[in-house]
Amino acid sequence: MNALVANAVYVNGRRRIEPDNLDSTFEAMRETAGMGWIGLYRPDRAEIQAVAGEFGLHELAVEDAANGHQRAKLERYGETLFVVLRPARYLDREEKVEFGELHVFVGADFVVTIRHAESPDLGTVRERMEASPDLLSMGPQAVLYAILDEVVDEYLPVVNGLENDIDEIENELFGGDPDVSRRIYELHREVIEFQRATQPLQAIIESLQRGSTAFRGEGELARRLRDVLDHVLRIVERVNTFRTLLQSLLTVHSTLVAQRQNEEMTRLTETSLAQNEEVKRISSWAAILFAPTLVASIYGMNFDVMPELHWVLGYPFALLLMIAMGVGLYWAFRRRKWL
């Protein structure tokens, strides 16, 4: 797969040459004194080194671009800017946020973009800039502005998607959905990742405003970059709100889970108490019935020497004894509220 996906040399804001390879691009830039705009998609180390050698890119920035997995940042190496951006897009079908990584080298007469994901759509950026040659004629700084603007614009659908997901979670939370906890944690993780992508943009743009003449004052690029910064601040504020809201939802979910557990424990306790009452009743009646059985068992033994056998009142006495013991036990159990 060819990593060179876009390649052109611009003079006075208009596409002059569209070389087939990097060597032709470098030669065309020298011949026309134009601006080279090179777009690479998942290049290997050798392709990055070829660009770095021609434009004198700093080895530390080249190493970051080759390795990837960088945080969003802005670094200056002499007259060259190295910008790392974390674009994102919302996948409606999966209801997930997909994060990418974009490296941008900006020099006096060149822009090199190294894209590691489908987002952002830099083809749209190039078409928009080519349709505004006055803006493109302002050079590489104008291209950097347009890339920042595109990345921030692509954040808006992500914000809307996350907001919709949070609304759905609120409905599921109080609807008793058993999978809602997993979804809250997954969304919370995505919001944190999105926060890491968006928050550094404020510092990046403010650094550009301080350090680049093109972005200071009341010039066209300065006004446009301030507009991008306004969008960034609004997005960051909403994302911070999302994170706070999700933390609150986690708290509410924990409370609801604890409440359901308490209700279940109460129900089990009540069931256990009811069962204990039944056991008490059964045990009480068993004891009451056991008393006359005991007396009858003793009287039923075949003993020769037993006074009650030759006593006229022996039989009535045995019956009264059985009744008295039963009544006594019944009264004792009733007093203890077992019956």
Foldseek 3Di string as FASTA:
>chain_A
DFFWPFKFWDDLLATDDGDPDDVVRLVVCVVRVTAIETEGELDALVVLVVVCVSVVPDPVLSVCLRVDPDFFDWDDDDQKIKTKAWFWAADVVVLAIDIWIWIWIFHPRYIYIYTHDPPDPVVVLVVVSSVPSNQCSVHRLSSVLSNLLSRLVRCVNVLVSLVVLLVVLVVCLVVVPPCSVVVLVRSLVRLVVVLRRQVCVLVVLVCCQVPPPCLDDPDPNVVSSVVSNVSSVVSNVSSVVSNVVSVVSNVVSVVVVVVVVVVVVVVVVVVVVVVVLVVLLVVLVVQLVVQLVVLVVVVPDPDPDDVLVPDPCSVVVSVVRSVVSSVVSVVVSVVVVSD
